[in-house]
PDB file of N, CA and C in Angstrom:
ATOM      1  N   MET A   1     184.010-100.305  54.635  1.00  0.00           N
ATOM      2  CA  MET A   1     184.576 -99.060  55.121  1.00  0.00           C
ATOM      3  C   MET A   1     183.880 -98.723  56.425  1.00  0.00           C
ATOM      4  N   SER A   2     184.430 -98.546  57.425  1.00  0.00           N
ATOM      5  CA  SER A   2     183.820 -98.057  58.765  1.00  0.00           C
ATOM      6  C   SER A   2     183.377 -96.683  58.631  1.00  0.00           C
ATOM      7  N   LYS A   3     182.256 -96.373  59.453  1.00  0.00           N
ATOM      8  CA  LYS A   3     181.779 -94.977  59.462  1.00  0.00           C
ATOM      9  C   LYS A   3     182.414 -94.248  60.669  1.00  0.00           C
ATOM     10  N   ALA A   4     182.493 -93.052  60.541  1.00  0.00           N
ATOM     11  CA  ALA A   4     182.881 -92.163  61.613  1.00  0.00           C
ATOM     12  C   ALA A   4     181.470 -92.012  62.520  1.00  0.00           C
ATOM     13  N   VAL A   5     181.716 -91.660  63.734  1.00  0.00           N
ATOM     14  CA  VAL A   5     180.545 -91.494  64.567  1.00  0.00           C
ATOM     15  C   VAL A   5     180.493 -90.023  65.183  1.00  0.00           C
ATOM     16  N   PHE A   6     179.394 -89.327  64.914  1.00  0.00           N
ATOM     17  CA  PHE A   6     179.475 -88.005  65.536  1.00  0.00           C
ATOM     18  C   PHE A   6     178.462 -88.068  66.768  1.00  0.00           C
ATOM     19  N   TYR A   7     178.982 -87.567  67.935  1.00  0.00           N
ATOM     20  CA  TYR A   7     178.227 -87.699  69.098  1.00  0.00           C
ATOM     21  C   TYR A   7     177.769 -86.228  69.453  1.00  0.00           C
ATOM     22  N   HIS A   8     176.660 -86.062  69.883  1.00  0.00           N
ATOM     23  CA  HIS A   8     176.228 -84.624  70.269  1.00  0.00           C
ATOM     24  C   HIS A   8     175.015 -84.836  71.257  1.00  0.00           C
ATOM     25  N   ALA A   9     174.732 -83.609  71.843  1.00  0.00           N
ATOM     26  CA  ALA A   9     173.699 -83.674  73.004  1.00  0.00           C
ATOM     27  C   ALA A   9     172.490 -82.775  72.539  1.00  0.00           C
ATOM     28  N   GLY A  10     172.354 -82.411  71.208  1.00  0.00           N
ATOM     29  CA  GLY A  10     171.342 -81.583  70.885  1.00  0.00           C
ATOM     30  C   GLY A  10     171.391 -80.087  71.191  1.00  0.00           C
ATOM     31  N   CYS A  11     172.398 -79.528  71.771  1.00  0.00           N
ATOM     32  CA  CYS A  11     172.457 -78.086  72.175  1.00  0.00           C
ATOM     33  C   CYS A  11     172.826 -77.341  70.893  1.00  0.00           C
ATOM     34  N   PRO A  12     172.704 -75.982  70.923  1.00  0.00           N
ATOM     35  CA  PRO A  12     172.927 -75.248  69.764  1.00  0.00           C
ATOM     36  C   PRO A  12     174.311 -75.485  69.150  1.00  0.00           C
ATOM     37  N   VAL A  13     175.372 -75.485  69.966  1.00  0.00           N
ATOM     38  CA  VAL A  13     176.569 -75.805  69.406  1.00  0.00           C
ATOM     39  C   VAL A  13     176.757 -77.080  68.735  1.00  0.00           C
ATOM     40  N   CYS A  14     176.124 -78.001  69.295  1.00  0.00           N
ATOM     41  CA  CYS A  14     176.113 -79.438  68.660  1.00  0.00           C
ATOM     42  C   CYS A  14     175.320 -79.358  67.263  1.00  0.00           C
ATOM     43  N   VAL A  15     174.276 -78.848  67.302  1.00  0.00           N
ATOM     44  CA  VAL A  15     173.376 -78.933  66.050  1.00  0.00           C
ATOM     45  C   VAL A  15     174.234 -78.206  65.053  1.00  0.00           C
ATOM     46  N   SER A  16     174.843 -77.063  65.357  1.00  0.00           N
ATOM     47  CA  SER A  16     175.502 -76.292  64.226  1.00  0.00           C
ATOM     48  C   SER A  16     176.788 -77.095  63.788  1.00  0.00           C
ATOM     49  N   ALA A  17     177.435 -77.791  64.676  1.00  0.00           N
ATOM     50  CA  ALA A  17     178.582 -78.630  64.297  1.00  0.00           C
ATOM     51  C   ALA A  17     177.951 -79.829  63.444  1.00  0.00           C
ATOM     52  N   GLU A  18     176.924 -80.299  63.761  1.00  0.00           N
ATOM     53  CA  GLU A  18     176.350 -81.386  62.979  1.00  0.00           C
ATOM     54  C   GLU A  18     176.094 -80.972  61.460  1.00  0.00           C
ATOM     55  N   GLN A  19     175.516 -79.929  61.396  1.00  0.00           N
ATOM     56  CA  GLN A  19     175.121 -79.457  59.927  1.00  0.00           C
ATOM     57  C   GLN A  19     176.492 -79.066  59.208  1.00  0.00           C
ATOM     58  N   ASP A  20     177.472 -78.455  59.944  1.00  0.00           N
ATOM     59  CA  ASP A  20     178.700 -78.252  59.175  1.00  0.00           C
ATOM     60  C   ASP A  20     179.467 -79.453  58.891  1.00  0.00           C
ATOM     61  N   LEU A  21     179.413 -80.453  59.794  1.00  0.00           N
ATOM     62  CA  LEU A  21     179.985 -81.750  59.488  1.00  0.00           C
ATOM     63  C   LEU A  21     179.286 -82.503  58.208  1.00  0.00           C
ATOM     64  N   LEU A  22     177.905 -82.479  58.230  1.00  0.00           N
ATOM     65  CA  LEU A  22     177.236 -83.029  57.193  1.00  0.00           C
ATOM     66  C   LEU A  22     177.357 -82.404  55.791  1.00  0.00           C
ATOM     67  N   ASN A  23     177.942 -81.079  55.854  1.00  0.00           N
ATOM     68  CA  ASN A  23     178.275 -80.411  54.614  1.00  0.00           C
ATOM     69  C   ASN A  23     179.691 -80.872  54.073  1.00  0.00           C
ATOM     70  N   LEU A  24     180.415 -81.522  54.893  1.00  0.00           N
ATOM     71  CA  LEU A  24     181.803 -81.881  54.723  1.00  0.00           C
ATOM     72  C   LEU A  24     181.981 -83.445  54.361  1.00  0.00           C
ATOM     73  N   ILE A  25     181.181 -84.088  55.149  1.00  0.00           N
ATOM     74  CA  ILE A  25     181.294 -85.639  54.881  1.00  0.00           C
ATOM     75  C   ILE A  25     179.863 -86.137  54.631  1.00  0.00           C
ATOM     76  N   PRO A  26     179.823 -86.963  53.608  1.00  0.00           N
ATOM     77  CA  PRO A  26     178.590 -87.540  53.082  1.00  0.00           C
ATOM     78  C   PRO A  26     177.780 -88.276  54.289  1.00  0.00           C
ATOM     79  N   ALA A  27     176.527 -88.035  54.464  1.00  0.00           N
ATOM     80  CA  ALA A  27     175.648 -88.743  55.468  1.00  0.00           C
ATOM     81  C   ALA A  27     175.845 -90.273  55.568  1.00  0.00           C
ATOM     82  N   ALA A  28     176.205 -90.781  54.364  1.00  0.00           N
ATOM     83  CA  ALA A  28     176.468 -92.330  54.442  1.00  0.00           C
ATOM     84  C   ALA A  28     177.689 -92.714  55.045  1.00  0.00           C
ATOM     85  N   GLN A  29     178.596 -91.658  55.243  1.00  0.00           N
ATOM     86  CA  GLN A  29     179.851 -92.250  55.946  1.00  0.00           C
ATOM     87  C   GLN A  29     180.013 -91.748  57.293  1.00  0.00           C
ATOM     88  N   VAL A  30     178.854 -91.261  57.975  1.00  0.00           N
ATOM     89  CA  VAL A  30     178.912 -90.709  59.361  1.00  0.00           C
ATOM     90  C   VAL A  30     177.543 -91.310  59.992  1.00  0.00           C
ATOM     91  N   GLU A  31     177.739 -91.726  61.334  1.00  0.00           N
ATOM     92  CA  GLU A  31     176.595 -92.066  62.124  1.00  0.00           C
ATOM     93  C   GLU A  31     176.444 -90.848  63.067  1.00  0.00           C
ATOM     94  N   ILE A  32     175.161 -90.465  63.228  1.00  0.00           N
ATOM     95  CA  ILE A  32     174.922 -89.266  64.187  1.00  0.00           C
ATOM     96  C   ILE A  32     174.182 -89.997  65.257  1.00  0.00           C
ATOM     97  N   VAL A  33     174.804 -89.738  66.557  1.00  0.00           N
ATOM     98  CA  VAL A  33     174.368 -90.206  67.756  1.00  0.00           C
ATOM     99  C   VAL A  33     173.959 -89.047  68.674  1.00  0.00           C
ATOM    100  N   HIS A  34     172.825 -88.842  68.945  1.00  0.00           N
ATOM    101  CA  HIS A  34     172.242 -87.780  69.821  1.00  0.00           C
ATOM    102  C   HIS A  34     172.073 -88.303  71.265  1.00  0.00           C
ATOM    103  N   LEU A  35     173.102 -88.104  72.074  1.00  0.00           N
ATOM    104  CA  LEU A  35     173.245 -88.515  73.300  1.00  0.00           C
ATOM    105  C   LEU A  35     172.180 -88.134  74.294  1.00  0.00           C
ATOM    106  N   GLY A  36     171.610 -86.949  74.040  1.00  0.00           N
ATOM    107  CA  GLY A  36     170.424 -86.540  74.835  1.00  0.00           C
ATOM    108  C   GLY A  36     169.222 -87.334  74.666  1.00  0.00           C
ATOM    109  N   ASN A  37     169.081 -88.029  73.541  1.00  0.00           N
ATOM    110  CA  ASN A  37     167.918 -88.856  73.257  1.00  0.00           C
ATOM    111  C   ASN A  37     168.245 -90.415  73.405  1.00  0.00           C
ATOM    112  N   GLU A  38     169.556 -90.623  73.251  1.00  0.00           N
ATOM    113  CA  GLU A  38     170.139 -92.061  73.373  1.00  0.00           C
ATOM    114  C   GLU A  38     171.140 -92.300  74.556  1.00  0.00           C
ATOM    115  N   LYS A  39     170.524 -92.105  75.680  1.00  0.00           N
ATOM    116  CA  LYS A  39     171.385 -92.188  76.922  1.00  0.00           C
ATOM    117  C   LYS A  39     172.029 -93.454  77.143  1.00  0.00           C
ATOM    118  N   ALA A  40     171.489 -94.547  76.461  1.00  0.00           N
ATOM    119  CA  ALA A  40     172.221 -95.837  76.589  1.00  0.00           C
ATOM    120  C   ALA A  40     173.554 -95.827  75.767  1.00  0.00           C
ATOM    121  N   GLN A  41     173.791 -94.908  74.842  1.00  0.00           N
ATOM    122  CA  GLN A  41     175.015 -94.741  74.089  1.00  0.00           C
ATOM    123  C   GLN A  41     176.164 -93.907  74.767  1.00  0.00           C
ATOM    124  N   VAL A  42     175.734 -93.367  75.899  1.00  0.00           N
ATOM    125  CA  VAL A  42     176.817 -92.441  76.724  1.00  0.00           C
ATOM    126  C   VAL A  42     177.986 -93.312  77.033  1.00  0.00           C
ATOM    127  N   SER A  43     177.773 -94.554  77.551  1.00  0.00           N
ATOM    128  CA  SER A  43     178.950 -95.404  77.883  1.00  0.00           C
ATOM    129  C   SER A  43     179.760 -95.804  76.709  1.00  0.00           C
ATOM    130  N   GLN A  44     179.118 -96.024  75.561  1.00  0.00           N
ATOM    131  CA  GLN A  44     179.838 -96.321  74.367  1.00  0.00           C
ATOM    132  C   GLN A  44     180.670 -95.144  73.930  1.00  0.00           C
ATOM    133  N   ALA A  45     180.153 -93.993  73.887  1.00  0.00           N
ATOM    134  CA  ALA A  45     181.045 -92.870  73.607  1.00  0.00           C
ATOM    135  C   ALA A  45     182.222 -92.659  74.527  1.00  0.00           C
ATOM    136  N   GLU A  46     181.919 -92.777  75.826  1.00  0.00           N
ATOM    137  CA  GLU A  46     182.966 -92.655  76.769  1.00  0.00           C
ATOM    138  C   GLU A  46     184.071 -93.829  76.553  1.00  0.00           C
ATOM    139  N   GLN A  47     183.773 -94.861  76.235  1.00  0.00           N
ATOM    140  CA  GLN A  47     184.742 -95.998  75.920  1.00  0.00           C
ATOM    141  C   GLN A  47     185.486 -95.718  74.605  1.00  0.00           C
ATOM    142  N   ALA A  48     184.826 -95.068  73.764  1.00  0.00           N
ATOM    143  CA  ALA A  48     185.582 -94.525  72.593  1.00  0.00           C
ATOM    144  C   ALA A  48     186.408 -93.452  72.662  1.00  0.00           C
ATOM    145  N   GLY A  49     186.480 -92.715  73.873  1.00  0.00           N
ATOM    146  CA  GLY A  49     187.456 -91.813  74.238  1.00  0.00           C
ATOM    147  C   GLY A  49     186.774 -90.322  74.222  1.00  0.00           C
ATOM    148  N   VAL A  50     185.442 -90.195  74.172  1.00  0.00           N
ATOM    149  CA  VAL A  50     184.769 -88.911  74.059  1.00  0.00           C
ATOM    150  C   VAL A  50     184.704 -88.338  75.418  1.00  0.00           C
ATOM    151  N   LYS A  51     185.213 -87.085  75.470  1.00  0.00           N
ATOM    152  CA  LYS A  51     185.143 -86.471  76.870  1.00  0.00           C
ATOM    153  C   LYS A  51     184.209 -85.349  77.032  1.00  0.00           C
ATOM    154  N   SER A  52     183.849 -84.732  75.740  1.00  0.00           N
ATOM    155  CA  SER A  52     182.901 -83.779  75.635  1.00  0.00           C
ATOM    156  C   SER A  52     182.138 -83.797  74.296  1.00  0.00           C
ATOM    157  N   VAL A  53     181.059 -83.140  74.144  1.00  0.00           N
ATOM    158  CA  VAL A  53     180.348 -83.157  72.888  1.00  0.00           C
ATOM    159  C   VAL A  53     180.127 -81.765  72.463  1.00  0.00           C
ATOM    160  N   PRO A  54     180.136 -81.488  71.125  1.00  0.00           N
ATOM    161  CA  PRO A  54     180.228 -82.331  70.022  1.00  0.00           C
ATOM    162  C   PRO A  54     181.453 -82.995  69.741  1.00  0.00           C
ATOM    163  N   ALA A  55     181.455 -84.307  69.320  1.00  0.00           N
ATOM    164  CA  ALA A  55     182.902 -84.912  69.211  1.00  0.00           C
ATOM    165  C   ALA A  55     182.566 -86.000  67.900  1.00  0.00           C
ATOM    166  N   LEU A  56     183.593 -86.187  67.188  1.00  0.00           N
ATOM    167  CA  LEU A  56     183.592 -87.072  66.074  1.00  0.00           C
ATOM    168  C   LEU A  56     184.663 -88.044  66.301  1.00  0.00           C
ATOM    169  N   VAL A  57     184.223 -89.284  66.285  1.00  0.00           N
ATOM    170  CA  VAL A  57     185.105 -90.425  66.386  1.00  0.00           C
ATOM    171  C   VAL A  57     185.322 -91.104  64.944  1.00  0.00           C
ATOM    172  N   LEU A  58     186.575 -90.957  64.588  1.00  0.00           N
ATOM    173  CA  LEU A  58     187.033 -91.391  63.256  1.00  0.00           C
ATOM    174  C   LEU A  58     187.115 -92.970  63.209  1.00  0.00           C
ATOM    175  N   PRO A  59     187.077 -93.486  62.120  1.00  0.00           N
ATOM    176  CA  PRO A  59     187.093 -95.015  61.826  1.00  0.00           C
ATOM    177  C   PRO A  59     188.336 -95.625  62.433  1.00  0.00           C
ATOM    178  N   ASN A  60     189.434 -94.760  62.460  1.00  0.00           N
ATOM    179  CA  ASN A  60     190.612 -95.260  63.115  1.00  0.00           C
ATOM    180  C   ASN A  60     190.750 -95.258  64.576  1.00  0.00           C
ATOM    181  N   GLY A  61     189.784 -94.674  65.107  1.00  0.00           N
ATOM    182  CA  GLY A  61     189.636 -94.488  66.676  1.00  0.00           C
ATOM    183  C   GLY A  61     189.932 -93.091  67.305  1.00  0.00           C
ATOM    184  N   ASN A  62     190.647 -92.249  66.382  1.00  0.00           N
ATOM    185  CA  ASN A  62     190.909 -91.027  66.848  1.00  0.00           C
ATOM    186  C   ASN A  62     189.662 -90.128  67.122  1.00  0.00           C
ATOM    187  N   VAL A  63     189.736 -89.389  68.273  1.00  0.00           N
ATOM    188  CA  VAL A  63     188.481 -88.634  68.627  1.00  0.00           C
ATOM    189  C   VAL A  63     188.861 -87.088  68.391  1.00  0.00           C
ATOM    190  N   LEU A  64     187.960 -86.343  67.764  1.00  0.00           N
ATOM    191  CA  LEU A  64     188.056 -85.038  67.452  1.00  0.00           C
ATOM    192  C   LEU A  64     187.018 -84.194  68.193  1.00  0.00           C
ATOM    193  N   HIS A  65     187.373 -83.545  69.314  1.00  0.00           N
ATOM    194  CA  HIS A  65     186.461 -82.749  70.192  1.00  0.00           C
ATOM    195  C   HIS A  65     186.398 -81.392  69.440  1.00  0.00           C
ATOM    196  N   ILE A  66     185.208 -81.106  68.843  1.00  0.00           N
ATOM    197  CA  ILE A  66     185.066 -80.113  67.935  1.00  0.00           C
ATOM    198  C   ILE A  66     184.866 -78.691  68.669  1.00  0.00           C
ATOM    199  N   ASN A  67     184.174 -78.751  69.704  1.00  0.00           N
ATOM    200  CA  ASN A  67     183.868 -77.514  70.496  1.00  0.00           C
ATOM    201  C   ASN A  67     183.372 -78.106  71.909  1.00  0.00           C
ATOM    202  N   PHE A  68     183.070 -77.081  72.671  1.00  0.00           N
ATOM    203  CA  PHE A  68     182.566 -77.560  74.084  1.00  0.00           C
ATOM    204  C   PHE A  68     181.256 -77.208  74.219  1.00  0.00           C
ATOM    205  N   GLY A  69     180.356 -78.339  74.048  1.00  0.00           N
ATOM    206  CA  GLY A  69     178.864 -78.028  74.345  1.00  0.00           C
ATOM    207  C   GLY A  69     178.526 -78.615  75.664  1.00  0.00           C
ATOM    208  N   ALA A  70     178.910 -79.851  75.927  1.00  0.00           N
ATOM    209  CA  ALA A  70     178.707 -80.406  77.222  1.00  0.00           C
ATOM    210  C   ALA A  70     179.707 -81.516  77.561  1.00  0.00           C
ATOM    211  N   SER A  71     180.020 -81.657  78.813  1.00  0.00           N
ATOM    212  CA  SER A  71     180.839 -82.907  79.351  1.00  0.00           C
ATOM    213  C   SER A  71     180.169 -84.162  79.237  1.00  0.00           C
ATOM    214  N   ILE A  72     180.795 -85.093  79.004  1.00  0.00           N
ATOM    215  CA  ILE A  72     180.237 -86.373  78.921  1.00  0.00           C
ATOM    216  C   ILE A  72     179.602 -86.908  80.351  1.00  0.00           C
ATOM    217  N   GLU A  73     180.420 -86.093  81.297  1.00  0.00           N
ATOM    218  CA  GLU A  73     179.852 -86.543  82.736  1.00  0.00           C
ATOM    219  C   GLU A  73     178.417 -85.781  82.917  1.00  0.00           C
ATOM    220  N   ASP A  74     178.147 -84.584  82.295  1.00  0.00           N
ATOM    221  CA  ASP A  74     176.886 -84.027  82.309  1.00  0.00           C
ATOM    222  C   ASP A  74     175.721 -84.780  81.738  1.00  0.00           C
ATOM    223  N   LEU A  75     176.127 -85.721  80.820  1.00  0.00           N
ATOM    224  CA  LEU A  75     175.176 -86.432  80.096  1.00  0.00           C
ATOM    225  C   LEU A  75     174.684 -87.880  80.713  1.00  0.00           C
ATOM    226  N   LYS A  76     175.419 -88.158  81.745  1.00  0.00           N
ATOM    227  CA  LYS A  76     175.157 -89.440  82.417  1.00  0.00           C
ATOM    228  C   LYS A  76     173.986 -89.279  83.321  1.00  0.00           C
TER     229      LYS A  76
END
């Protein structure tokens, strides 16, 4: 089974969304990627269709933009 990937930048909006998400989805089923700390992953997030963070990329490729914390462009 593929994991969902949750991308965030560490801002308060993102951290809150991460905590809420982990209350809904078991941690074993979601990979958390902090783009503020892992700049090399920004292009991967962008290729997956992430336009802003926090965002959840589902195993089927759908992207859920949860709230607006930061534009993907701001993270480059």
